[in-house]
Amino acid sequence: MSGRKYLRHNSISLERAYDVIKAPVITEKTTLGSQFSQFAFDVDKSSTKYEIAKAIEAIFKVRVESVTTLNRPGKVKRFRGRLGRRPDIKRAYVRLASGQTIDVGAGL
């Protein structure tokens, strides 16, 4: 694949972009991935890979090579003897074009 999958001419509004991207994921593993232009974000459950790519391009002004998504179901936990459930999370792993980077602390 040439990596130009997400470089279509139409884009999404900045308001929708901020609705799609909820928060960056900052862990040891994602920090190591940032050396290779890979970043992780928690995203809206209903968003598509195309919307995620366009939202990252609109917010951070970078070119996205690929997007991989992961739907993680919430765990059932006990708190004071009562059953509770953590929320489901959709996470997107974004690979940028070579030479581009994101300052994850800025922009969100």
PDB file of N, CA and C in Angstrom:
ATOM      1  N   MET A   1       0.835  -1.174   0.000  1.00  0.00           N
ATOM      2  CA  MET A   1       0.000   0.000   0.000  1.00  0.00           C
ATOM      3  C   MET A   1       0.881   1.238   0.000  1.00  0.00           C
ATOM      4  N   SER A   2       0.487   2.244  -0.739  1.00  0.00           N
ATOM      5  CA  SER A   2       1.321   3.420  -0.919  1.00  0.00           C
ATOM      6  C   SER A   2       1.296   4.362   0.277  1.00  0.00           C
ATOM      7  N   GLY A   3       0.312   4.227   1.169  1.00  0.00           N
ATOM      8  CA  GLY A   3       0.249   5.103   2.326  1.00  0.00           C
ATOM      9  C   GLY A   3      -0.538   6.368   2.077  1.00  0.00           C
ATOM     10  N   ARG A   4      -1.130   6.506   0.898  1.00  0.00           N
ATOM     11  CA  ARG A   4      -1.908   7.705   0.600  1.00  0.00           C
ATOM     12  C   ARG A   4      -3.407   7.432   0.699  1.00  0.00           C
ATOM     13  N   LYS A   5      -3.763   6.480   1.509  1.00  0.00           N
ATOM     14  CA  LYS A   5      -5.147   6.067   1.660  1.00  0.00           C
ATOM     15  C   LYS A   5      -6.031   7.174   2.232  1.00  0.00           C
ATOM     16  N   TYR A   6      -5.496   7.972   3.133  1.00  0.00           N
ATOM     17  CA  TYR A   6      -6.286   8.971   3.842  1.00  0.00           C
ATOM     18  C   TYR A   6      -6.120  10.376   3.278  1.00  0.00           C
ATOM     19  N   LEU A   7      -5.489  10.530   2.130  1.00  0.00           N
ATOM     20  CA  LEU A   7      -5.248  11.855   1.573  1.00  0.00           C
ATOM     21  C   LEU A   7      -6.307  12.214   0.539  1.00  0.00           C
ATOM     22  N   ARG A   8      -7.544  12.155   0.916  1.00  0.00           N
ATOM     23  CA  ARG A   8      -8.624  12.578   0.030  1.00  0.00           C
ATOM     24  C   ARG A   8      -8.846  14.065   0.225  1.00  0.00           C
ATOM     25  N   HIS A   9      -9.567  14.675  -0.691  1.00  0.00           N
ATOM     26  CA  HIS A   9      -9.677  16.129  -0.671  1.00  0.00           C
ATOM     27  C   HIS A   9     -10.707  16.661   0.321  1.00  0.00           C
ATOM     28  N   ASN A  10     -11.730  15.883   0.633  1.00  0.00           N
ATOM     29  CA  ASN A  10     -12.711  16.394   1.587  1.00  0.00           C
ATOM     30  C   ASN A  10     -12.208  16.189   3.007  1.00  0.00           C
ATOM     31  N   SER A  11     -12.635  17.043   3.900  1.00  0.00           N
ATOM     32  CA  SER A  11     -12.181  16.972   5.278  1.00  0.00           C
ATOM     33  C   SER A  11     -13.380  17.145   6.199  1.00  0.00           C
ATOM     34  N   ILE A  12     -13.135  17.035   7.498  1.00  0.00           N
ATOM     35  CA  ILE A  12     -14.208  17.206   8.466  1.00  0.00           C
ATOM     36  C   ILE A  12     -14.010  18.527   9.187  1.00  0.00           C
ATOM     37  N   SER A  13     -15.066  19.014   9.822  1.00  0.00           N
ATOM     38  CA  SER A  13     -14.978  20.288  10.526  1.00  0.00           C
ATOM     39  C   SER A  13     -14.124  20.129  11.776  1.00  0.00           C
ATOM     40  N   LEU A  14     -13.571  21.228  12.226  1.00  0.00           N
ATOM     41  CA  LEU A  14     -12.723  21.207  13.414  1.00  0.00           C
ATOM     42  C   LEU A  14     -13.540  20.809  14.646  1.00  0.00           C
ATOM     43  N   GLU A  15     -14.804  21.204  14.673  1.00  0.00           N
ATOM     44  CA  GLU A  15     -15.674  20.835  15.789  1.00  0.00           C
ATOM     45  C   GLU A  15     -15.861  19.317  15.847  1.00  0.00           C
ATOM     46  N   ARG A  16     -16.111  18.696  14.696  1.00  0.00           N
ATOM     47  CA  ARG A  16     -16.256  17.234  14.645  1.00  0.00           C
ATOM     48  C   ARG A  16     -14.929  16.551  14.971  1.00  0.00           C
ATOM     49  N   ALA A  17     -13.821  17.162  14.570  1.00  0.00           N
ATOM     50  CA  ALA A  17     -12.507  16.586  14.852  1.00  0.00           C
ATOM     51  C   ALA A  17     -12.279  16.484  16.360  1.00  0.00           C
ATOM     52  N   TYR A  18     -12.669  17.506  17.104  1.00  0.00           N
ATOM     53  CA  TYR A  18     -12.508  17.469  18.556  1.00  0.00           C
ATOM     54  C   TYR A  18     -13.502  16.518  19.208  1.00  0.00           C
ATOM     55  N   ASP A  19     -14.632  16.230  18.539  1.00  0.00           N
ATOM     56  CA  ASP A  19     -15.566  15.226  19.051  1.00  0.00           C
ATOM     57  C   ASP A  19     -15.031  13.814  18.816  1.00  0.00           C
ATOM     58  N   VAL A  20     -14.338  13.602  17.716  1.00  0.00           N
ATOM     59  CA  VAL A  20     -13.803  12.281  17.383  1.00  0.00           C
ATOM     60  C   VAL A  20     -12.642  11.923  18.306  1.00  0.00           C
ATOM     61  N   ILE A  21     -11.681  12.833  18.470  1.00  0.00           N
ATOM     62  CA  ILE A  21     -10.499  12.578  19.299  1.00  0.00           C
ATOM     63  C   ILE A  21     -10.806  13.004  20.726  1.00  0.00           C
ATOM     64  N   LYS A  22     -10.887  12.038  21.642  1.00  0.00           N
ATOM     65  CA  LYS A  22     -11.207  12.357  23.026  1.00  0.00           C
ATOM     66  C   LYS A  22      -9.973  12.749  23.834  1.00  0.00           C
ATOM     67  N   ALA A  23      -8.918  11.916  23.771  1.00  0.00           N
ATOM     68  CA  ALA A  23      -7.718  12.187  24.576  1.00  0.00           C
ATOM     69  C   ALA A  23      -6.539  11.391  24.042  1.00  0.00           C
ATOM     70  N   PRO A  24      -5.337  11.925  24.184  1.00  0.00           N
ATOM     71  CA  PRO A  24      -4.160  11.121  23.840  1.00  0.00           C
ATOM     72  C   PRO A  24      -3.901  10.081  24.930  1.00  0.00           C
ATOM     73  N   VAL A  25      -3.317   8.987  24.559  1.00  0.00           N
ATOM     74  CA  VAL A  25      -2.953   7.943  25.515  1.00  0.00           C
ATOM     75  C   VAL A  25      -1.456   8.086  25.776  1.00  0.00           C
ATOM     76  N   ILE A  26      -1.114   8.374  27.021  1.00  0.00           N
ATOM     77  CA  ILE A  26       0.283   8.586  27.372  1.00  0.00           C
ATOM     78  C   ILE A  26       0.688   7.508  28.368  1.00  0.00           C
ATOM     79  N   THR A  27       1.396   6.497  27.865  1.00  0.00           N
ATOM     80  CA  THR A  27       1.921   5.404  28.677  1.00  0.00           C
ATOM     81  C   THR A  27       3.375   5.185  28.272  1.00  0.00           C
ATOM     82  N   GLU A  28       4.035   4.281  28.954  1.00  0.00           N
ATOM     83  CA  GLU A  28       5.422   3.976  28.586  1.00  0.00           C
ATOM     84  C   GLU A  28       5.477   3.413  27.172  1.00  0.00           C
ATOM     85  N   LYS A  29       4.535   2.561  26.853  1.00  0.00           N
ATOM     86  CA  LYS A  29       4.532   1.916  25.545  1.00  0.00           C
ATOM     87  C   LYS A  29       4.277   2.916  24.419  1.00  0.00           C
ATOM     88  N   THR A  30       3.330   3.825  24.608  1.00  0.00           N
ATOM     89  CA  THR A  30       3.056   4.799  23.555  1.00  0.00           C
ATOM     90  C   THR A  30       4.170   5.830  23.444  1.00  0.00           C
ATOM     91  N   THR A  31       4.861   6.112  24.541  1.00  0.00           N
ATOM     92  CA  THR A  31       5.994   7.027  24.487  1.00  0.00           C
ATOM     93  C   THR A  31       7.126   6.424  23.657  1.00  0.00           C
ATOM     94  N   LEU A  32       7.345   5.120  23.796  1.00  0.00           N
ATOM     95  CA  LEU A  32       8.351   4.458  22.975  1.00  0.00           C
ATOM     96  C   LEU A  32       7.931   4.443  21.509  1.00  0.00           C
ATOM     97  N   GLY A  33       6.651   4.308  21.237  1.00  0.00           N
ATOM     98  CA  GLY A  33       6.152   4.309  19.864  1.00  0.00           C
ATOM     99  C   GLY A  33       6.273   5.657  19.193  1.00  0.00           C
ATOM    100  N   SER A  34       6.303   6.738  19.967  1.00  0.00           N
ATOM    101  CA  SER A  34       6.404   8.072  19.379  1.00  0.00           C
ATOM    102  C   SER A  34       7.748   8.288  18.681  1.00  0.00           C
ATOM    103  N   GLN A  35       8.755   7.501  19.022  1.00  0.00           N
ATOM    104  CA  GLN A  35      10.041   7.587  18.325  1.00  0.00           C
ATOM    105  C   GLN A  35       9.901   7.146  16.873  1.00  0.00           C
ATOM    106  N   PHE A  36       8.901   6.301  16.599  1.00  0.00           N
ATOM    107  CA  PHE A  36       8.680   5.777  15.259  1.00  0.00           C
ATOM    108  C   PHE A  36       7.450   6.388  14.603  1.00  0.00           C
ATOM    109  N   SER A  37       7.063   7.584  15.030  1.00  0.00           N
ATOM    110  CA  SER A  37       5.907   8.327  14.509  1.00  0.00           C
ATOM    111  C   SER A  37       4.598   7.581  14.701  1.00  0.00           C
ATOM    112  N   GLN A  38       4.456   6.882  15.827  1.00  0.00           N
ATOM    113  CA  GLN A  38       3.220   6.182  16.164  1.00  0.00           C
ATOM    114  C   GLN A  38       2.645   6.802  17.430  1.00  0.00           C
ATOM    115  N   PHE A  39       1.356   7.116  17.398  1.00  0.00           N
ATOM    116  CA  PHE A  39       0.704   7.758  18.528  1.00  0.00           C
ATOM    117  C   PHE A  39      -0.629   7.081  18.791  1.00  0.00           C
ATOM    118  N   ALA A  40      -1.088   7.113  20.038  1.00  0.00           N
ATOM    119  CA  ALA A  40      -2.334   6.465  20.421  1.00  0.00           C
ATOM    120  C   ALA A  40      -3.302   7.503  20.977  1.00  0.00           C
ATOM    121  N   PHE A  41      -4.586   7.338  20.638  1.00  0.00           N
ATOM    122  CA  PHE A  41      -5.630   8.252  21.087  1.00  0.00           C
ATOM    123  C   PHE A  41      -6.872   7.452  21.456  1.00  0.00           C
ATOM    124  N   ASP A  42      -7.568   7.894  22.513  1.00  0.00           N
ATOM    125  CA  ASP A  42      -8.903   7.384  22.781  1.00  0.00           C
ATOM    126  C   ASP A  42      -9.849   8.173  21.887  1.00  0.00           C
ATOM    127  N   VAL A  43     -10.730   7.457  21.188  1.00  0.00           N
ATOM    128  CA  VAL A  43     -11.598   8.095  20.205  1.00  0.00           C
ATOM    129  C   VAL A  43     -13.055   7.732  20.466  1.00  0.00           C
ATOM    130  N   ASP A  44     -13.943   8.441  19.793  1.00  0.00           N
ATOM    131  CA  ASP A  44     -15.369   8.190  19.881  1.00  0.00           C
ATOM    132  C   ASP A  44     -15.680   6.800  19.325  1.00  0.00           C
ATOM    133  N   LYS A  45     -16.597   6.078  19.979  1.00  0.00           N
ATOM    134  CA  LYS A  45     -16.901   4.703  19.572  1.00  0.00           C
ATOM    135  C   LYS A  45     -17.483   4.614  18.168  1.00  0.00           C
ATOM    136  N   SER A  46     -18.179   5.641  17.731  1.00  0.00           N
ATOM    137  CA  SER A  46     -18.837   5.584  16.427  1.00  0.00           C
ATOM    138  C   SER A  46     -17.963   6.107  15.285  1.00  0.00           C
ATOM    139  N   SER A  47     -16.742   6.544  15.583  1.00  0.00           N
ATOM    140  CA  SER A  47     -15.898   7.128  14.541  1.00  0.00           C
ATOM    141  C   SER A  47     -15.253   6.039  13.680  1.00  0.00           C
ATOM    142  N   THR A  48     -14.997   6.397  12.424  1.00  0.00           N
ATOM    143  CA  THR A  48     -14.359   5.481  11.485  1.00  0.00           C
ATOM    144  C   THR A  48     -12.872   5.813  11.389  1.00  0.00           C
ATOM    145  N   LYS A  49     -12.118   4.918  10.742  1.00  0.00           N
ATOM    146  CA  LYS A  49     -10.686   5.163  10.565  1.00  0.00           C
ATOM    147  C   LYS A  49     -10.456   6.411   9.727  1.00  0.00           C
ATOM    148  N   TYR A  50     -11.289   6.610   8.731  1.00  0.00           N
ATOM    149  CA  TYR A  50     -11.162   7.796   7.876  1.00  0.00           C
ATOM    150  C   TYR A  50     -11.394   9.067   8.684  1.00  0.00           C
ATOM    151  N   GLU A  51     -12.437   9.091   9.524  1.00  0.00           N
ATOM    152  CA  GLU A  51     -12.706  10.262  10.369  1.00  0.00           C
ATOM    153  C   GLU A  51     -11.562  10.518  11.343  1.00  0.00           C
ATOM    154  N   ILE A  52     -11.010   9.455  11.910  1.00  0.00           N
ATOM    155  CA  ILE A  52      -9.902   9.600  12.849  1.00  0.00           C
ATOM    156  C   ILE A  52      -8.697  10.214  12.151  1.00  0.00           C
ATOM    157  N   ALA A  53      -8.383   9.735  10.953  1.00  0.00           N
ATOM    158  CA  ALA A  53      -7.244  10.266  10.201  1.00  0.00           C
ATOM    159  C   ALA A  53      -7.449  11.736   9.874  1.00  0.00           C
ATOM    160  N   LYS A  54      -8.634  12.094   9.413  1.00  0.00           N
ATOM    161  CA  LYS A  54      -8.913  13.495   9.079  1.00  0.00           C
ATOM    162  C   LYS A  54      -8.909  14.382  10.321  1.00  0.00           C
ATOM    163  N   ALA A  55      -9.362  13.859  11.451  1.00  0.00           N
ATOM    164  CA  ALA A  55      -9.363  14.642  12.691  1.00  0.00           C
ATOM    165  C   ALA A  55      -7.933  14.921  13.151  1.00  0.00           C
ATOM    166  N   ILE A  56      -7.060  13.924  13.089  1.00  0.00           N
ATOM    167  CA  ILE A  56      -5.657  14.119  13.470  1.00  0.00           C
ATOM    168  C   ILE A  56      -4.991  15.121  12.536  1.00  0.00           C
ATOM    169  N   GLU A  57      -5.278  15.004  11.232  1.00  0.00           N
ATOM    170  CA  GLU A  57      -4.697  15.947  10.266  1.00  0.00           C
ATOM    171  C   GLU A  57      -5.196  17.362  10.510  1.00  0.00           C
ATOM    172  N   ALA A  58      -6.470  17.521  10.869  1.00  0.00           N
ATOM    173  CA  ALA A  58      -7.034  18.854  11.095  1.00  0.00           C
ATOM    174  C   ALA A  58      -6.513  19.484  12.385  1.00  0.00           C
ATOM    175  N   ILE A  59      -6.406  18.700  13.436  1.00  0.00           N
ATOM    176  CA  ILE A  59      -6.005  19.252  14.734  1.00  0.00           C
ATOM    177  C   ILE A  59      -4.506  19.530  14.794  1.00  0.00           C
ATOM    178  N   PHE A  60      -3.693  18.573  14.342  1.00  0.00           N
ATOM    179  CA  PHE A  60      -2.253  18.680  14.528  1.00  0.00           C
ATOM    180  C   PHE A  60      -1.488  19.113  13.282  1.00  0.00           C
ATOM    181  N   LYS A  61      -2.162  19.249  12.131  1.00  0.00           N
ATOM    182  CA  LYS A  61      -1.521  19.700  10.878  1.00  0.00           C
ATOM    183  C   LYS A  61      -0.378  18.771  10.468  1.00  0.00           C
ATOM    184  N   VAL A  62      -0.646  17.469  10.454  1.00  0.00           N
ATOM    185  CA  VAL A  62       0.322  16.456  10.037  1.00  0.00           C
ATOM    186  C   VAL A  62      -0.327  15.558   8.988  1.00  0.00           C
ATOM    187  N   ARG A  63       0.466  14.694   8.361  1.00  0.00           N
ATOM    188  CA  ARG A  63      -0.070  13.757   7.380  1.00  0.00           C
ATOM    189  C   ARG A  63      -0.099  12.353   7.986  1.00  0.00           C
ATOM    190  N   VAL A  64      -1.252  11.711   7.932  1.00  0.00           N
ATOM    191  CA  VAL A  64      -1.449  10.402   8.524  1.00  0.00           C
ATOM    192  C   VAL A  64      -1.195   9.322   7.478  1.00  0.00           C
ATOM    193  N   GLU A  65      -0.348   8.340   7.828  1.00  0.00           N
ATOM    194  CA  GLU A  65      -0.082   7.198   6.950  1.00  0.00           C
ATOM    195  C   GLU A  65      -1.134   6.118   7.129  1.00  0.00           C
ATOM    196  N   SER A  66      -1.383   5.716   8.386  1.00  0.00           N
ATOM    197  CA  SER A  66      -2.334   4.641   8.629  1.00  0.00           C
ATOM    198  C   SER A  66      -2.972   4.796   9.998  1.00  0.00           C
ATOM    199  N   VAL A  67      -4.135   4.164  10.143  1.00  0.00           N
ATOM    200  CA  VAL A  67      -4.870   4.170  11.406  1.00  0.00           C
ATOM    201  C   VAL A  67      -5.283   2.737  11.710  1.00  0.00           C
ATOM    202  N   THR A  68      -5.006   2.290  12.922  1.00  0.00           N
ATOM    203  CA  THR A  68      -5.452   0.989  13.395  1.00  0.00           C
ATOM    204  C   THR A  68      -6.302   1.233  14.628  1.00  0.00           C
ATOM    205  N   THR A  69      -7.466   0.576  14.692  1.00  0.00           N
ATOM    206  CA  THR A  69      -8.355   0.794  15.830  1.00  0.00           C
ATOM    207  C   THR A  69      -8.478  -0.476  16.656  1.00  0.00           C
ATOM    208  N   LEU A  70      -8.833  -0.274  17.916  1.00  0.00           N
ATOM    209  CA  LEU A  70      -8.983  -1.367  18.859  1.00  0.00           C
ATOM    210  C   LEU A  70     -10.191  -1.062  19.736  1.00  0.00           C
ATOM    211  N   ASN A  71     -11.170  -1.970  19.743  1.00  0.00           N
ATOM    212  CA  ASN A  71     -12.328  -1.837  20.628  1.00  0.00           C
ATOM    213  C   ASN A  71     -12.085  -2.691  21.852  1.00  0.00           C
ATOM    214  N   ARG A  72     -12.005  -2.032  23.013  1.00  0.00           N
ATOM    215  CA  ARG A  72     -11.730  -2.753  24.252  1.00  0.00           C
ATOM    216  C   ARG A  72     -12.972  -2.733  25.130  1.00  0.00           C
ATOM    217  N   PRO A  73     -13.575  -3.896  25.388  1.00  0.00           N
ATOM    218  CA  PRO A  73     -14.753  -3.926  26.256  1.00  0.00           C
ATOM    219  C   PRO A  73     -14.375  -3.645  27.707  1.00  0.00           C
ATOM    220  N   GLY A  74     -15.290  -3.014  28.435  1.00  0.00           N
ATOM    221  CA  GLY A  74     -15.034  -2.686  29.827  1.00  0.00           C
ATOM    222  C   GLY A  74     -15.107  -3.914  30.712  1.00  0.00           C
ATOM    223  N   LYS A  75     -14.328  -3.897  31.776  1.00  0.00           N
ATOM    224  CA  LYS A  75     -14.299  -5.024  32.708  1.00  0.00           C
ATOM    225  C   LYS A  75     -15.420  -4.890  33.732  1.00  0.00           C
ATOM    226  N   VAL A  76     -15.846  -6.029  34.259  1.00  0.00           N
ATOM    227  CA  VAL A  76     -16.783  -6.053  35.378  1.00  0.00           C
ATOM    228  C   VAL A  76     -15.947  -6.065  36.651  1.00  0.00           C
ATOM    229  N   LYS A  77     -16.199  -5.111  37.534  1.00  0.00           N
ATOM    230  CA  LYS A  77     -15.435  -4.980  38.770  1.00  0.00           C
ATOM    231  C   LYS A  77     -16.381  -4.920  39.960  1.00  0.00           C
ATOM    232  N   ARG A  78     -15.847  -5.215  41.134  1.00  0.00           N
ATOM    233  CA  ARG A  78     -16.615  -5.087  42.372  1.00  0.00           C
ATOM    234  C   ARG A  78     -16.110  -3.881  43.157  1.00  0.00           C
ATOM    235  N   PHE A  79     -17.063  -3.154  43.731  1.00  0.00           N
ATOM    236  CA  PHE A  79     -16.721  -2.052  44.611  1.00  0.00           C
ATOM    237  C   PHE A  79     -17.660  -2.108  45.802  1.00  0.00           C
ATOM    238  N   ARG A  80     -17.112  -2.349  46.984  1.00  0.00           N
ATOM    239  CA  ARG A  80     -17.883  -2.488  48.221  1.00  0.00           C
ATOM    240  C   ARG A  80     -18.966  -3.563  48.086  1.00  0.00           C
ATOM    241  N   GLY A  81     -18.606  -4.651  47.438  1.00  0.00           N
ATOM    242  CA  GLY A  81     -19.519  -5.776  47.313  1.00  0.00           C
ATOM    243  C   GLY A  81     -20.526  -5.675  46.189  1.00  0.00           C
ATOM    244  N   ARG A  82     -20.566  -4.554  45.499  1.00  0.00           N
ATOM    245  CA  ARG A  82     -21.523  -4.372  44.397  1.00  0.00           C
ATOM    246  C   ARG A  82     -20.808  -4.491  43.065  1.00  0.00           C
ATOM    247  N   LEU A  83     -21.502  -5.060  42.113  1.00  0.00           N
ATOM    248  CA  LEU A  83     -20.931  -5.194  40.780  1.00  0.00           C
ATOM    249  C   LEU A  83     -21.033  -3.877  40.032  1.00  0.00           C
ATOM    250  N   GLY A  84     -19.983  -3.537  39.353  1.00  0.00           N
ATOM    251  CA  GLY A  84     -19.961  -2.359  38.501  1.00  0.00           C
ATOM    252  C   GLY A  84     -19.272  -2.718  37.205  1.00  0.00           C
ATOM    253  N   ARG A  85     -19.348  -1.831  36.243  1.00  0.00           N
ATOM    254  CA  ARG A  85     -18.731  -2.119  34.960  1.00  0.00           C
ATOM    255  C   ARG A  85     -18.008  -0.880  34.456  1.00  0.00           C
ATOM    256  N   ARG A  86     -16.767  -1.080  34.022  1.00  0.00           N
ATOM    257  CA  ARG A  86     -16.017   0.018  33.420  1.00  0.00           C
ATOM    258  C   ARG A  86     -16.528   0.253  32.006  1.00  0.00           C
ATOM    259  N   PRO A  87     -16.373   1.456  31.493  1.00  0.00           N
ATOM    260  CA  PRO A  87     -16.895   1.736  30.149  1.00  0.00           C
ATOM    261  C   PRO A  87     -16.061   1.087  29.046  1.00  0.00           C
ATOM    262  N   ASP A  88     -16.699   0.823  27.903  1.00  0.00           N
ATOM    263  CA  ASP A  88     -15.992   0.343  26.726  1.00  0.00           C
ATOM    264  C   ASP A  88     -15.173   1.489  26.149  1.00  0.00           C
ATOM    265  N   ILE A  89     -14.021   1.166  25.563  1.00  0.00           N
ATOM    266  CA  ILE A  89     -13.126   2.189  25.023  1.00  0.00           C
ATOM    267  C   ILE A  89     -12.712   1.807  23.613  1.00  0.00           C
ATOM    268  N   LYS A  90     -12.729   2.773  22.721  1.00  0.00           N
ATOM    269  CA  LYS A  90     -12.163   2.578  21.391  1.00  0.00           C
ATOM    270  C   LYS A  90     -10.873   3.377  21.330  1.00  0.00           C
ATOM    271  N   ARG A  91      -9.810   2.715  20.927  1.00  0.00           N
ATOM    272  CA  ARG A  91      -8.496   3.344  20.874  1.00  0.00           C
ATOM    273  C   ARG A  91      -7.982   3.293  19.443  1.00  0.00           C
ATOM    274  N   ALA A  92      -7.338   4.361  19.010  1.00  0.00           N
ATOM    275  CA  ALA A  92      -6.779   4.425  17.665  1.00  0.00           C
ATOM    276  C   ALA A  92      -5.272   4.593  17.753  1.00  0.00           C
ATOM    277  N   TYR A  93      -4.566   3.767  16.998  1.00  0.00           N
ATOM    278  CA  TYR A  93      -3.121   3.882  16.869  1.00  0.00           C
ATOM    279  C   TYR A  93      -2.838   4.489  15.507  1.00  0.00           C
ATOM    280  N   VAL A  94      -2.182   5.647  15.498  1.00  0.00           N
ATOM    281  CA  VAL A  94      -1.985   6.436  14.290  1.00  0.00           C
ATOM    282  C   VAL A  94      -0.505   6.447  13.928  1.00  0.00           C
ATOM    283  N   ARG A  95      -0.202   6.149  12.675  1.00  0.00           N
ATOM    284  CA  ARG A  95       1.175   6.244  12.173  1.00  0.00           C
ATOM    285  C   ARG A  95       1.237   7.452  11.250  1.00  0.00           C
ATOM    286  N   LEU A  96       2.199   8.341  11.516  1.00  0.00           N
ATOM    287  CA  LEU A  96       2.364   9.549  10.718  1.00  0.00           C
ATOM    288  C   LEU A  96       3.367   9.311   9.600  1.00  0.00           C
ATOM    289  N   ALA A  97       3.363  10.207   8.646  1.00  0.00           N
ATOM    290  CA  ALA A  97       4.356  10.156   7.569  1.00  0.00           C
ATOM    291  C   ALA A  97       5.734  10.375   8.171  1.00  0.00           C
ATOM    292  N   SER A  98       6.749   9.855   7.517  1.00  0.00           N
ATOM    293  CA  SER A  98       8.099   9.941   8.071  1.00  0.00           C
ATOM    294  C   SER A  98       8.535  11.397   8.214  1.00  0.00           C
ATOM    295  N   GLY A  99       9.184  11.674   9.328  1.00  0.00           N
ATOM    296  CA  GLY A  99       9.677  13.020   9.598  1.00  0.00           C
ATOM    297  C   GLY A  99       8.681  13.917  10.305  1.00  0.00           C
ATOM    298  N   GLN A 100       7.450  13.461  10.514  1.00  0.00           N
ATOM    299  CA  GLN A 100       6.450  14.292  11.187  1.00  0.00           C
ATOM    300  C   GLN A 100       6.228  13.771  12.601  1.00  0.00           C
ATOM    301  N   THR A 101       5.878  14.690  13.496  1.00  0.00           N
ATOM    302  CA  THR A 101       5.654  14.332  14.878  1.00  0.00           C
ATOM    303  C   THR A 101       4.540  15.184  15.474  1.00  0.00           C
ATOM    304  N   ILE A 102       4.043  14.756  16.622  1.00  0.00           N
ATOM    305  CA  ILE A 102       2.974  15.450  17.326  1.00  0.00           C
ATOM    306  C   ILE A 102       3.468  15.740  18.724  1.00  0.00           C
ATOM    307  N   ASP A 103       3.244  16.978  19.192  1.00  0.00           N
ATOM    308  CA  ASP A 103       3.438  17.293  20.599  1.00  0.00           C
ATOM    309  C   ASP A 103       2.116  16.974  21.278  1.00  0.00           C
ATOM    310  N   VAL A 104       2.040  15.818  21.921  1.00  0.00           N
ATOM    311  CA  VAL A 104       0.767  15.300  22.431  1.00  0.00           C
ATOM    312  C   VAL A 104       0.180  16.202  23.492  1.00  0.00           C
ATOM    313  N   GLY A 105       0.985  16.912  24.251  1.00  0.00           N
ATOM    314  CA  GLY A 105       0.480  17.783  25.291  1.00  0.00           C
ATOM    315  C   GLY A 105      -0.215  19.019  24.758  1.00  0.00           C
ATOM    316  N   ALA A 106       0.111  19.438  23.544  1.00  0.00           N
ATOM    317  CA  ALA A 106      -0.498  20.629  22.966  1.00  0.00           C
ATOM    318  C   ALA A 106      -1.613  20.226  22.012  1.00  0.00           C
ATOM    319  N   GLY A 107      -2.595  21.080  21.860  1.00  0.00           N
ATOM    320  CA  GLY A 107      -3.622  20.851  20.869  1.00  0.00           C
ATOM    321  C   GLY A 107      -4.899  20.243  21.394  1.00  0.00           C
ATOM    322  N   LEU A 108      -4.859  19.540  22.526  1.00  0.00           N
ATOM    323  CA  LEU A 108      -6.094  18.945  23.050  1.00  0.00           C
ATOM    324  C   LEU A 108      -6.473  19.568  24.355  1.00  0.00           C
TER     325      LEU A 108
END
